[in-house]
Amino acid sequence: MPWYSALAIYVLFWVICGFVILPIGVRTSDELGESKVAGQADSAPANFRPGRTVLWTTILSGILFGLFYLNFIYRWIEPLTFTRT
C-alpha cells in the first residue's frame, strides 16, 4: 500500500473516531448545575475540552488503523468474492 493511501485511510479513521469520541463526557449546563449565558441553547456543552477529544481520537484511530493495516498485511479477514456457477 502506498504511503499516501495509508495516510488517507488513517485520516478517514481519525474523522470517524472523532465523531464517536465527541459526545463522550460532555455535560450541559443543567447537568452541571451552572447558570446559562443569555441565548445559550439548552443542549450546549458546558465542559467541552477539545484537547482531550483530540488525544482520545488519535489514540483510538491509531489502534483501529493499526488493526486495519495488520489485517492488510497478514490477511486475517479476506474480502468476499462471489463467482457465478
N, C-alpha and C. Protein backbone atom coordinates (compact mmCIF):
# COMPACT_ATOMS: atom_id res chain seq x y z
N MET A 1 0.85 -1.17 0.00
CA MET A 1 0.00 0.00 0.00
C MET A 1 0.90 1.24 0.00
N PRO A 2 0.68 2.16 -0.92
CA PRO A 2 1.48 3.39 -0.93
C PRO A 2 1.22 4.22 0.33
N TRP A 3 2.21 5.03 0.72
CA TRP A 3 2.10 5.80 1.95
C TRP A 3 0.94 6.78 1.91
N TYR A 4 0.64 7.34 0.73
CA TYR A 4 -0.43 8.32 0.64
C TYR A 4 -1.80 7.65 0.77
N SER A 5 -1.92 6.40 0.37
CA SER A 5 -3.16 5.66 0.58
C SER A 5 -3.34 5.35 2.07
N ALA A 6 -2.26 4.95 2.72
CA ALA A 6 -2.32 4.68 4.15
C ALA A 6 -2.68 5.95 4.92
N LEU A 7 -2.12 7.09 4.52
CA LEU A 7 -2.42 8.36 5.17
C LEU A 7 -3.89 8.73 4.98
N ALA A 8 -4.41 8.55 3.78
CA ALA A 8 -5.81 8.87 3.51
C ALA A 8 -6.74 7.99 4.33
N ILE A 9 -6.42 6.71 4.45
CA ILE A 9 -7.25 5.80 5.24
C ILE A 9 -7.16 6.16 6.71
N TYR A 10 -5.96 6.53 7.19
CA TYR A 10 -5.82 6.94 8.59
C TYR A 10 -6.66 8.19 8.87
N VAL A 11 -6.65 9.15 7.95
CA VAL A 11 -7.45 10.37 8.14
C VAL A 11 -8.94 10.01 8.22
N LEU A 12 -9.39 9.08 7.39
CA LEU A 12 -10.79 8.65 7.47
C LEU A 12 -11.08 8.01 8.84
N PHE A 13 -10.18 7.15 9.31
CA PHE A 13 -10.34 6.56 10.64
C PHE A 13 -10.39 7.66 11.69
N TRP A 14 -9.53 8.67 11.58
CA TRP A 14 -9.45 9.73 12.58
C TRP A 14 -10.75 10.52 12.63
N VAL A 15 -11.30 10.86 11.48
CA VAL A 15 -12.54 11.64 11.45
C VAL A 15 -13.70 10.84 12.02
N ILE A 16 -13.81 9.58 11.63
CA ILE A 16 -14.90 8.74 12.14
C ILE A 16 -14.76 8.57 13.65
N CYS A 17 -13.54 8.32 14.12
CA CYS A 17 -13.33 8.18 15.57
C CYS A 17 -13.62 9.49 16.29
N GLY A 18 -13.34 10.61 15.64
CA GLY A 18 -13.66 11.91 16.24
C GLY A 18 -15.13 12.07 16.52
N PHE A 19 -15.97 11.64 15.57
CA PHE A 19 -17.41 11.72 15.78
C PHE A 19 -17.88 10.74 16.85
N VAL A 20 -17.17 9.64 17.02
CA VAL A 20 -17.53 8.69 18.08
C VAL A 20 -17.13 9.24 19.45
N ILE A 21 -15.96 9.85 19.55
CA ILE A 21 -15.44 10.35 20.83
C ILE A 21 -16.09 11.67 21.25
N LEU A 22 -16.52 12.46 20.30
CA LEU A 22 -17.00 13.82 20.57
C LEU A 22 -18.04 13.92 21.69
N PRO A 23 -19.07 13.11 21.71
CA PRO A 23 -20.08 13.29 22.77
C PRO A 23 -19.73 12.65 24.11
N ILE A 24 -18.67 11.91 24.20
CA ILE A 24 -18.34 11.20 25.44
C ILE A 24 -17.85 12.19 26.50
N GLY A 25 -18.49 12.18 27.64
CA GLY A 25 -18.06 13.00 28.77
C GLY A 25 -18.51 14.44 28.74
N VAL A 26 -19.26 14.85 27.72
CA VAL A 26 -19.71 16.23 27.63
C VAL A 26 -21.03 16.38 28.39
N ARG A 27 -21.12 17.41 29.20
CA ARG A 27 -22.32 17.66 30.01
C ARG A 27 -22.85 19.06 29.72
N THR A 28 -24.16 19.21 29.84
CA THR A 28 -24.78 20.52 29.63
C THR A 28 -24.71 21.34 30.93
N SER A 29 -25.07 22.59 30.81
CA SER A 29 -25.07 23.47 31.99
C SER A 29 -26.07 22.98 33.03
N ASP A 30 -27.21 22.47 32.58
CA ASP A 30 -28.22 21.96 33.52
C ASP A 30 -27.67 20.76 34.30
N GLU A 31 -26.97 19.87 33.63
CA GLU A 31 -26.41 18.69 34.29
C GLU A 31 -25.34 19.05 35.31
N LEU A 32 -24.59 20.12 35.03
CA LEU A 32 -23.53 20.53 35.94
C LEU A 32 -24.01 21.53 37.00
N GLY A 33 -25.25 22.01 36.86
CA GLY A 33 -25.79 22.97 37.82
C GLY A 33 -25.22 24.36 37.64
N GLU A 34 -24.76 24.70 36.46
CA GLU A 34 -24.21 26.03 36.19
C GLU A 34 -25.28 26.91 35.56
N SER A 35 -25.07 28.22 35.67
CA SER A 35 -26.02 29.14 35.05
C SER A 35 -25.70 29.26 33.56
N LYS A 36 -26.73 29.54 32.77
CA LYS A 36 -26.57 29.67 31.33
C LYS A 36 -26.33 31.12 30.95
N VAL A 37 -25.67 31.28 29.82
CA VAL A 37 -25.48 32.61 29.24
C VAL A 37 -26.74 32.95 28.45
N ALA A 38 -27.10 34.20 28.38
CA ALA A 38 -28.30 34.60 27.64
C ALA A 38 -28.18 34.15 26.18
N GLY A 39 -29.23 33.47 25.71
CA GLY A 39 -29.25 32.98 24.33
C GLY A 39 -28.60 31.62 24.14
N GLN A 40 -28.10 31.03 25.19
CA GLN A 40 -27.43 29.72 25.09
C GLN A 40 -28.46 28.62 24.89
N ALA A 41 -28.17 27.71 23.98
CA ALA A 41 -29.07 26.58 23.76
C ALA A 41 -29.04 25.65 24.97
N ASP A 42 -30.16 24.98 25.21
CA ASP A 42 -30.24 24.06 26.34
C ASP A 42 -29.27 22.90 26.20
N SER A 43 -28.96 22.52 24.95
CA SER A 43 -28.09 21.37 24.70
C SER A 43 -26.62 21.74 24.53
N ALA A 44 -26.27 23.00 24.71
CA ALA A 44 -24.88 23.44 24.52
C ALA A 44 -23.98 22.85 25.61
N PRO A 45 -22.81 22.32 25.22
CA PRO A 45 -21.92 21.73 26.23
C PRO A 45 -21.30 22.81 27.12
N ALA A 46 -21.15 22.48 28.39
CA ALA A 46 -20.57 23.42 29.34
C ALA A 46 -19.12 23.07 29.66
N ASN A 47 -18.72 21.85 29.39
CA ASN A 47 -17.36 21.42 29.77
C ASN A 47 -16.61 20.80 28.60
N PHE A 48 -16.78 21.33 27.39
CA PHE A 48 -16.10 20.76 26.23
C PHE A 48 -14.60 21.02 26.32
N ARG A 49 -13.81 19.93 26.16
CA ARG A 49 -12.34 20.03 26.21
C ARG A 49 -11.78 19.47 24.90
N PRO A 50 -11.46 20.34 23.95
CA PRO A 50 -11.00 19.86 22.65
C PRO A 50 -9.67 19.11 22.70
N GLY A 51 -8.79 19.45 23.60
CA GLY A 51 -7.51 18.75 23.70
C GLY A 51 -7.68 17.29 24.07
N ARG A 52 -8.58 17.04 25.02
CA ARG A 52 -8.88 15.67 25.44
C ARG A 52 -9.52 14.89 24.30
N THR A 53 -10.41 15.56 23.55
CA THR A 53 -11.08 14.91 22.43
C THR A 53 -10.08 14.54 21.34
N VAL A 54 -9.17 15.44 21.02
CA VAL A 54 -8.15 15.15 20.00
C VAL A 54 -7.23 14.02 20.45
N LEU A 55 -6.83 14.03 21.71
CA LEU A 55 -5.96 12.98 22.23
C LEU A 55 -6.62 11.61 22.13
N TRP A 56 -7.85 11.47 22.63
CA TRP A 56 -8.54 10.18 22.59
C TRP A 56 -8.89 9.75 21.18
N THR A 57 -9.19 10.72 20.31
CA THR A 57 -9.45 10.41 18.90
C THR A 57 -8.20 9.85 18.25
N THR A 58 -7.05 10.46 18.52
CA THR A 58 -5.79 9.99 17.95
C THR A 58 -5.43 8.59 18.46
N ILE A 59 -5.64 8.36 19.74
CA ILE A 59 -5.35 7.03 20.31
C ILE A 59 -6.24 5.96 19.69
N LEU A 60 -7.55 6.21 19.66
CA LEU A 60 -8.49 5.23 19.12
C LEU A 60 -8.25 4.99 17.63
N SER A 61 -8.05 6.05 16.87
CA SER A 61 -7.83 5.87 15.43
C SER A 61 -6.50 5.18 15.16
N GLY A 62 -5.50 5.41 15.99
CA GLY A 62 -4.22 4.72 15.82
C GLY A 62 -4.36 3.22 16.05
N ILE A 63 -5.12 2.84 17.08
CA ILE A 63 -5.33 1.43 17.36
C ILE A 63 -6.12 0.77 16.23
N LEU A 64 -7.21 1.41 15.81
CA LEU A 64 -8.04 0.82 14.75
C LEU A 64 -7.30 0.77 13.41
N PHE A 65 -6.54 1.82 13.09
CA PHE A 65 -5.78 1.79 11.85
C PHE A 65 -4.68 0.73 11.92
N GLY A 66 -4.07 0.57 13.09
CA GLY A 66 -3.06 -0.48 13.25
C GLY A 66 -3.64 -1.85 12.98
N LEU A 67 -4.84 -2.12 13.50
CA LEU A 67 -5.50 -3.39 13.24
C LEU A 67 -5.85 -3.53 11.76
N PHE A 68 -6.30 -2.45 11.15
CA PHE A 68 -6.61 -2.46 9.72
C PHE A 68 -5.36 -2.78 8.90
N TYR A 69 -4.25 -2.13 9.24
CA TYR A 69 -3.01 -2.33 8.48
C TYR A 69 -2.45 -3.74 8.68
N LEU A 70 -2.52 -4.24 9.91
CA LEU A 70 -2.07 -5.62 10.15
C LEU A 70 -2.93 -6.61 9.38
N ASN A 71 -4.23 -6.35 9.30
CA ASN A 71 -5.10 -7.21 8.50
C ASN A 71 -4.74 -7.11 7.03
N PHE A 72 -4.36 -5.93 6.57
CA PHE A 72 -3.94 -5.75 5.18
C PHE A 72 -2.70 -6.59 4.87
N ILE A 73 -1.77 -6.63 5.82
CA ILE A 73 -0.52 -7.36 5.60
C ILE A 73 -0.73 -8.87 5.74
N TYR A 74 -1.37 -9.30 6.84
CA TYR A 74 -1.46 -10.73 7.15
C TYR A 74 -2.73 -11.41 6.64
N ARG A 75 -3.68 -10.65 6.10
CA ARG A 75 -4.91 -11.19 5.52
C ARG A 75 -5.68 -12.08 6.49
N TRP A 76 -5.92 -11.57 7.69
CA TRP A 76 -6.72 -12.32 8.66
C TRP A 76 -8.14 -12.47 8.15
N ILE A 77 -8.69 -11.38 7.62
CA ILE A 77 -10.06 -11.40 7.08
C ILE A 77 -9.96 -11.09 5.60
N GLU A 78 -10.39 -12.02 4.80
CA GLU A 78 -10.35 -11.86 3.34
C GLU A 78 -11.65 -11.23 2.85
N PRO A 79 -11.57 -10.44 1.77
CA PRO A 79 -12.80 -9.92 1.20
C PRO A 79 -13.62 -11.05 0.57
N LEU A 80 -14.93 -10.91 0.59
CA LEU A 80 -15.79 -11.92 -0.01
C LEU A 80 -15.70 -11.81 -1.53
N THR A 81 -15.67 -12.95 -2.17
CA THR A 81 -15.70 -12.96 -3.64
C THR A 81 -16.88 -13.81 -4.06
N PHE A 82 -17.62 -13.30 -4.97
CA PHE A 82 -18.79 -14.01 -5.47
C PHE A 82 -18.50 -14.45 -6.91
N THR A 83 -18.70 -15.71 -7.18
CA THR A 83 -18.49 -16.23 -8.52
C THR A 83 -19.78 -16.87 -9.01
N ARG A 84 -20.02 -16.72 -10.28
CA ARG A 84 -21.21 -17.33 -10.86
C ARG A 84 -20.87 -18.75 -11.32
N THR A 85 -21.77 -19.67 -11.05
CA THR A 85 -21.55 -21.04 -11.49
C THR A 85 -22.56 -21.45 -12.53
